[in-house]
Structures are given as structure tokens and as C-alpha cells.
Protein backbone atom coordinates (compact mmCIF):
# COMPACT_ATOMS: atom_id res chain seq x y z
CA MET A 1 24.06 14.65 -22.18
CA THR A 2 24.70 12.10 -24.91
CA ALA A 3 22.48 9.08 -25.33
CA ALA A 4 25.33 6.77 -24.24
CA ASN A 5 26.06 8.77 -21.09
CA SER A 6 22.36 8.96 -20.30
CA ALA A 7 21.93 5.20 -20.68
CA SER A 8 24.99 4.50 -18.50
CA LEU A 9 23.77 6.86 -15.78
CA ALA A 10 20.29 5.37 -15.90
CA GLN A 11 21.59 1.80 -15.65
CA ARG A 12 23.79 2.65 -12.64
CA ASP A 13 20.98 4.59 -10.97
CA LEU A 14 18.50 1.77 -11.63
CA LEU A 15 20.75 -0.89 -10.11
CA LEU A 16 21.31 1.22 -7.01
CA LEU A 17 17.61 2.03 -6.77
CA LEU A 18 16.51 -1.59 -7.07
CA GLY A 19 19.07 -2.60 -4.47
CA ALA A 20 17.87 0.16 -2.14
CA LEU A 21 14.22 -0.79 -2.61
CA GLY A 22 14.98 -4.46 -2.02
CA GLY A 23 16.88 -3.62 1.14
CA LEU A 24 14.11 -1.27 2.30
CA VAL A 25 11.42 -3.93 1.84
CA ALA A 26 13.57 -6.51 3.65
CA LEU A 27 14.07 -4.13 6.58
CA CYS A 28 10.37 -3.37 6.73
CA TRP A 29 9.43 -7.03 6.84
CA TRP A 30 12.09 -7.71 9.45
CA TYR A 31 10.54 -4.94 11.56
CA LEU A 32 7.05 -6.37 11.10
CA ILE A 33 8.18 -9.89 12.01
CA ASP A 34 9.99 -8.63 15.09
CA THR A 35 7.05 -6.44 16.16
CA SER A 36 4.55 -9.24 15.56
CA HIS A 37 6.53 -11.67 17.70
CA GLY A 38 6.87 -9.05 20.42
CA MET A 39 3.14 -8.36 20.49
CA ALA A 40 2.30 -12.07 20.46
CA GLY A 41 4.21 -12.41 23.71
CA MET A 42 2.29 -9.63 25.42
CA SER A 43 -0.36 -10.63 27.93
CA GLY A 44 -2.42 -7.55 27.14
CA GLY A 45 -2.66 -4.76 24.64
CA MET A 46 -2.87 -1.01 24.94
CA GLY A 47 -6.44 -1.44 26.15
CA ILE A 48 -8.82 1.46 26.19
CA ARG A 49 -6.54 3.77 28.13
CA PRO A 50 -5.86 7.11 26.42
CA TRP A 51 -2.98 6.99 24.00
CA SER A 52 0.08 9.08 24.76
CA SER A 53 2.02 10.94 22.08
CA ILE A 54 4.56 8.10 22.18
CA ASP A 55 1.78 5.58 21.51
CA PHE A 56 0.70 7.56 18.47
CA LEU A 57 4.25 7.79 17.16
CA LEU A 58 4.89 4.07 17.63
CA MET A 59 1.63 3.09 15.94
CA PHE A 60 2.23 5.54 13.11
CA ALA A 61 5.74 4.14 12.62
CA MET A 62 4.29 0.63 12.49
CA TRP A 63 1.71 1.60 9.87
CA ALA A 64 4.19 3.59 7.78
CA VAL A 65 6.68 0.72 7.75
CA MET A 66 3.91 -1.75 6.94
CA MET A 67 2.72 0.33 3.98
CA VAL A 68 6.25 0.54 2.60
CA GLY A 69 6.79 -3.19 2.99
CA MET A 70 3.46 -3.99 1.32
CA MET A 71 3.31 -1.40 -1.47
CA VAL A 72 6.88 -1.00 -2.71
CA PRO A 73 6.90 -4.47 -4.34
CA THR A 74 3.72 -3.56 -6.22
CA ALA A 75 5.27 -0.29 -7.48
CA VAL A 76 8.56 -1.62 -8.86
CA ARG A 77 7.23 -1.89 -12.43
CA SER A 78 6.09 1.75 -12.37
CA VAL A 79 9.49 2.82 -11.04
CA LEU A 80 11.18 0.97 -13.91
CA ILE A 81 8.88 2.70 -16.41
CA PHE A 82 9.65 6.10 -14.89
CA VAL A 83 13.41 5.47 -15.15
CA GLN A 84 13.04 4.47 -18.80
CA ILE A 85 11.05 7.62 -19.57
CA GLY A 86 13.59 9.74 -17.72
CA THR A 87 16.43 8.14 -19.66
CA ARG A 88 14.83 9.03 -22.99
CA ALA A 89 14.15 12.57 -21.80
CA SER A 90 17.75 12.96 -20.64
CA ALA A 91 19.04 11.74 -24.00
CA ARG A 92 17.02 14.55 -25.61
CA GLY A 93 18.75 17.15 -23.46
CA ARG A 94 16.46 17.36 -20.45
CA ALA A 95 17.86 17.36 -16.93
CA TRP A 96 18.45 13.93 -15.42
CA VAL A 97 16.32 13.00 -12.42
CA SER A 98 16.70 9.88 -10.33
CA GLY A 99 13.92 7.38 -9.79
CA TYR A 100 14.42 7.90 -6.05
CA TRP A 101 12.35 11.07 -6.24
CA PHE A 102 9.46 9.38 -8.03
CA THR A 103 9.53 6.63 -5.39
CA ALA A 104 9.62 9.24 -2.61
CA GLY A 105 6.46 10.88 -3.97
CA TYR A 106 4.74 7.51 -4.18
CA LEU A 107 5.65 6.59 -0.62
CA LEU A 108 4.53 10.00 0.63
CA ILE A 109 0.93 9.08 -0.27
CA TRP A 110 1.13 5.81 1.64
CA THR A 111 2.74 7.56 4.61
CA PHE A 112 -0.27 9.87 4.80
CA PHE A 113 -2.49 6.79 4.59
CA GLY A 114 -0.52 5.30 7.48
CA ALA A 115 -1.34 8.40 9.54
CA ALA A 116 -5.05 8.02 8.71
CA ALA A 117 -4.93 4.32 9.60
CA THR A 118 -3.31 5.19 12.93
CA LEU A 119 -6.18 7.54 13.74
CA LEU A 120 -8.69 4.86 12.76
CA GLN A 121 -6.93 2.32 14.97
CA TRP A 122 -7.01 4.79 17.85
CA ALA A 123 -10.76 5.34 17.40
CA LEU A 124 -11.47 1.60 17.26
CA ASP A 125 -9.21 0.94 20.24
CA GLN A 126 -10.91 3.60 22.34
CA ALA A 127 -14.29 2.09 21.40
CA ALA A 128 -13.01 -1.31 22.64
CA LEU A 129 -13.48 -2.85 19.18
CA LEU A 130 -9.95 -4.26 18.81
CA SER A 131 -8.14 -7.13 20.47
CA PRO A 132 -4.53 -6.76 21.71
CA MET A 133 -3.38 -8.08 18.31
CA MET A 134 -5.49 -5.40 16.61
CA VAL A 135 -8.19 -7.73 15.30
CA SER A 136 -11.80 -6.59 15.24
CA THR A 137 -13.77 -7.99 18.17
CA SER A 138 -17.07 -6.93 16.59
CA SER A 139 -18.74 -9.11 13.98
CA SER A 140 -20.63 -6.03 12.76
CA LEU A 141 -17.39 -4.11 12.21
CA GLY A 142 -15.74 -7.08 10.49
CA ALA A 143 -18.76 -7.56 8.24
CA PHE A 144 -18.84 -3.84 7.42
CA LEU A 145 -15.18 -3.85 6.41
CA LEU A 146 -15.55 -6.98 4.27
CA ILE A 147 -18.73 -5.83 2.53
CA SER A 148 -17.33 -2.33 1.96
CA ALA A 149 -14.11 -3.71 0.47
CA GLY A 150 -16.13 -6.09 -1.71
CA ALA A 151 -18.48 -3.36 -2.93
CA TRP A 152 -15.51 -1.11 -3.75
CA GLN A 153 -14.28 -3.75 -6.21
CA PHE A 154 -17.28 -2.85 -8.41
CA SER A 155 -16.97 0.93 -8.22
CA PRO A 156 -16.00 3.02 -11.28
CA ILE A 157 -13.27 4.72 -9.25
CA LYS A 158 -11.72 1.36 -8.41
CA ASN A 159 -11.85 0.29 -12.05
CA THR A 160 -10.25 3.55 -13.21
CA CYS A 161 -7.49 3.28 -10.64
CA LEU A 162 -6.89 -0.39 -11.42
CA ARG A 163 -6.60 0.28 -15.15
CA HIS A 164 -4.02 2.95 -14.40
CA CYS A 165 -2.04 0.66 -12.10
CA ARG A 166 -2.10 -2.14 -14.66
CA SER A 167 -0.94 0.08 -17.54
CA PRO A 168 0.76 3.22 -16.16
CA ALA A 169 3.21 3.79 -19.02
CA MET A 170 1.08 6.18 -21.09
CA TYR A 171 0.08 8.24 -18.07
CA LEU A 172 3.65 8.49 -16.77
CA ALA A 173 4.97 9.47 -20.20
CA THR A 174 2.26 12.07 -20.74
CA HIS A 175 2.65 13.70 -17.32
CA PHE A 176 6.44 13.41 -17.05
CA ARG A 177 8.13 16.69 -16.14
CA PRO A 178 11.89 17.20 -15.73
CA GLY A 179 13.44 17.97 -12.37
CA ILE A 180 13.00 16.77 -8.81
CA SER A 181 9.67 18.50 -8.26
CA GLY A 182 8.28 16.94 -11.43
CA ALA A 183 9.38 13.46 -10.34
CA VAL A 184 7.96 13.82 -6.83
CA ASN A 185 4.69 15.22 -8.17
CA LEU A 186 4.35 12.35 -10.63
CA GLY A 187 5.08 9.85 -7.85
CA ILE A 188 2.33 11.45 -5.76
CA ARG A 189 -0.14 11.26 -8.65
CA HIS A 190 0.67 7.63 -9.28
CA GLY A 191 0.41 6.92 -5.56
CA MET A 192 -3.07 8.45 -5.45
CA TYR A 193 -4.25 6.05 -8.16
CA CYS A 194 -2.71 3.19 -6.20
CA LEU A 195 -4.41 4.40 -3.03
CA GLY A 196 -7.75 4.59 -4.80
CA CYS A 197 -7.28 1.01 -5.90
CA CYS A 198 -6.25 -0.46 -2.54
CA TRP A 199 -7.34 1.67 0.42
CA LEU A 200 -10.35 -0.43 1.46
CA LEU A 201 -8.35 -3.63 1.05
CA MET A 202 -6.03 -2.26 3.74
CA GLY A 203 -9.03 -1.97 6.04
CA LEU A 204 -9.22 -5.76 5.96
CA LEU A 205 -6.10 -5.78 8.14
CA PHE A 206 -8.47 -5.09 11.03
CA VAL A 207 -10.38 -8.27 10.10
CA GLY A 208 -7.47 -10.70 9.89
CA GLY A 209 -5.17 -8.87 12.28
CA VAL A 210 -2.95 -5.84 11.74
CA MET A 211 0.02 -7.84 13.04
CA ASN A 212 -0.96 -11.15 11.40
CA LEU A 213 2.01 -11.71 9.09
CA MET A 214 0.23 -14.26 6.91
CA TRP A 215 -2.69 -11.88 6.47
CA ILE A 216 -0.38 -8.98 5.60
CA ALA A 217 1.41 -11.17 3.05
CA ALA A 218 -1.91 -12.37 1.57
CA ILE A 219 -3.16 -8.82 1.01
CA THR A 220 0.20 -7.86 -0.52
CA VAL A 221 0.03 -10.79 -2.95
CA PHE A 222 -3.57 -9.96 -3.82
CA VAL A 223 -2.72 -6.32 -4.59
CA LEU A 224 0.28 -7.40 -6.66
CA ALA A 225 -1.84 -9.90 -8.59
CA GLU A 226 -4.50 -7.28 -9.31
CA LYS A 227 -1.86 -5.03 -10.84
CA LEU A 228 0.08 -7.62 -12.82
CA LEU A 229 -2.20 -10.48 -13.87
CA PRO A 230 -4.27 -10.17 -17.07
CA ASP A 231 -8.05 -9.71 -16.99
CA THR A 232 -7.89 -8.55 -13.37
CA LEU A 233 -11.02 -6.42 -13.66
CA ARG A 234 -13.10 -9.59 -13.92
CA ALA A 235 -11.06 -11.22 -11.16
CA SER A 236 -11.55 -8.12 -9.02
CA ARG A 237 -15.31 -8.36 -9.39
CA LEU A 238 -15.18 -12.04 -8.49
CA SER A 239 -13.11 -11.24 -5.42
CA GLY A 240 -15.63 -8.52 -4.59
CA TRP A 241 -18.46 -11.06 -4.50
CA VAL A 242 -16.35 -13.35 -2.31
CA MET A 243 -15.68 -10.53 0.18
CA ILE A 244 -19.35 -9.55 0.27
CA LEU A 245 -20.49 -13.13 0.82
CA ILE A 246 -17.93 -13.68 3.57
CA GLY A 247 -18.99 -10.40 5.14
CA VAL A 248 -22.66 -11.44 5.13
CA GLY A 249 -21.73 -14.80 6.61
CA TYR A 250 -19.55 -13.08 9.20
CA LEU A 251 -22.46 -10.88 10.23
CA ALA A 252 -24.90 -13.80 10.37
CA TRP A 253 -22.48 -15.81 12.50
CA GLY A 254 -22.17 -12.88 14.91
CA LEU A 255 -25.92 -12.49 15.21
CA VAL A 256 -26.41 -16.20 15.93
CA ASN A 257 -23.63 -16.28 18.49
């Protein structure tokens, strides 16, 4: 494939991919808004009754859609970098591979996380630790989640993952392999770094409310800012202290009341 043909194919593929991702995120947020309004009108939740297989599937679908709606906007830059790397590789005679496959690998990681979050929600629900809107009813649990998320901001693993997410170009170029399997595998690897950076932040959904749209949006913006704004390692440590202090205050308030 000539360089001109490769560039033309990449540009067309990129425009379609960005349009598809934008539409996917819009659909996800429409689903979350509709589900949130539906749950707000319920007089009760699922309670502590045993979950049926349908309950599991519905909750898993909710978590999977939520993860796509939250994490795809934070991954767009990495998708653009992958497409650029693939374009250069194609111009040198390697097989063309669409950015869809890289994105699919990335979303696969967050789909697995959605399954884990569903199991956690089930455990908390059966222990009567969640309200109908999936907010922690235990000050101890809320404090634990806040302090854990804050402490994770200082961990070496978090810092490594954050550095990767802030500057993924070298890693993606070094580990790029032609073909669909190579693209999916690279998307999975990138997704694992992203998961390592953000997984405990997602636990804070149980503090502010899994179906609290403002809280979901706030966490999404925070994750995006961590990845894009300069000097975010220092900001991450500052945010870690804030979470820890709020968690301690949350626990103290629960003990007093």
C-alpha cells in the first residue's frame, strides 16, 4: 500500500471511528440518564432478596454501559495515537488494521471490570449496605472506599499507570503488532494500565451513588483531567489527601451519629 493510499484509508477510518465512538458515548449516557430517572421513581430497590439471573444481567449491562460512557472519552487520545502508528506501519508495507480493534481490546478490560463491579454490588446489596439508589448506607464502608482510593493515589502502581496514560505514544509504538490480534492485544494492555490507574476511583460510585449522574460525570472529568492535564502526579497526590481527609471525616461523623 502506498503512503497516499494508507493516509487516505486512515483518515476515512478515523472519521468513521470518531463518529462511532461519539455516538456510542451519547447512547451510553442516554441509557444512564433514562435508567437513573427510572430508578429515582421507584419506591424501593432490589432489597436484600436473592438476585435472579435477570437481575445479574441487568446490573451487569448497567455497569458495562457506564464504563463505556465514562472511559471512552478518556481513551480517545490513545486511539488517535494508535491510528497514527498504524498508518505509518501500513505505509511501510504492513497490513492495515482499523482502530476499532484497538478500542475493542480496551473496552474488553472495562467490561470485565463491570462484571467484577456487579459482583461487588451484589455482595453489598445482600449485606444490606446499599440504598435503593446504590449508595452506601454504612459510614464505615464509605470511609473505607474514600481512604482506599486516596491511599491508592500515592502507590507506585498508580504512578506507573498514570505516567503511561499521560504519555502512551512510546509504549504503543514499541508494542505495536500488525493484524487484528495485535491491535486487540495492545488495546487490552493499554486498558490494563488504565484500569490500574482508575479502578479504586470507580469504587467511589458507591459513595456518591452508582446512579447519581452528577457523581458519574464528576469522576469522568477527574479521570480525564488526570490523564490530560500537566503535572497530574502532584495533583493526584493532593486529591489523595483530600479523599483520605474526607474519608476520616466521614467515619468520624458516622461514629458520632
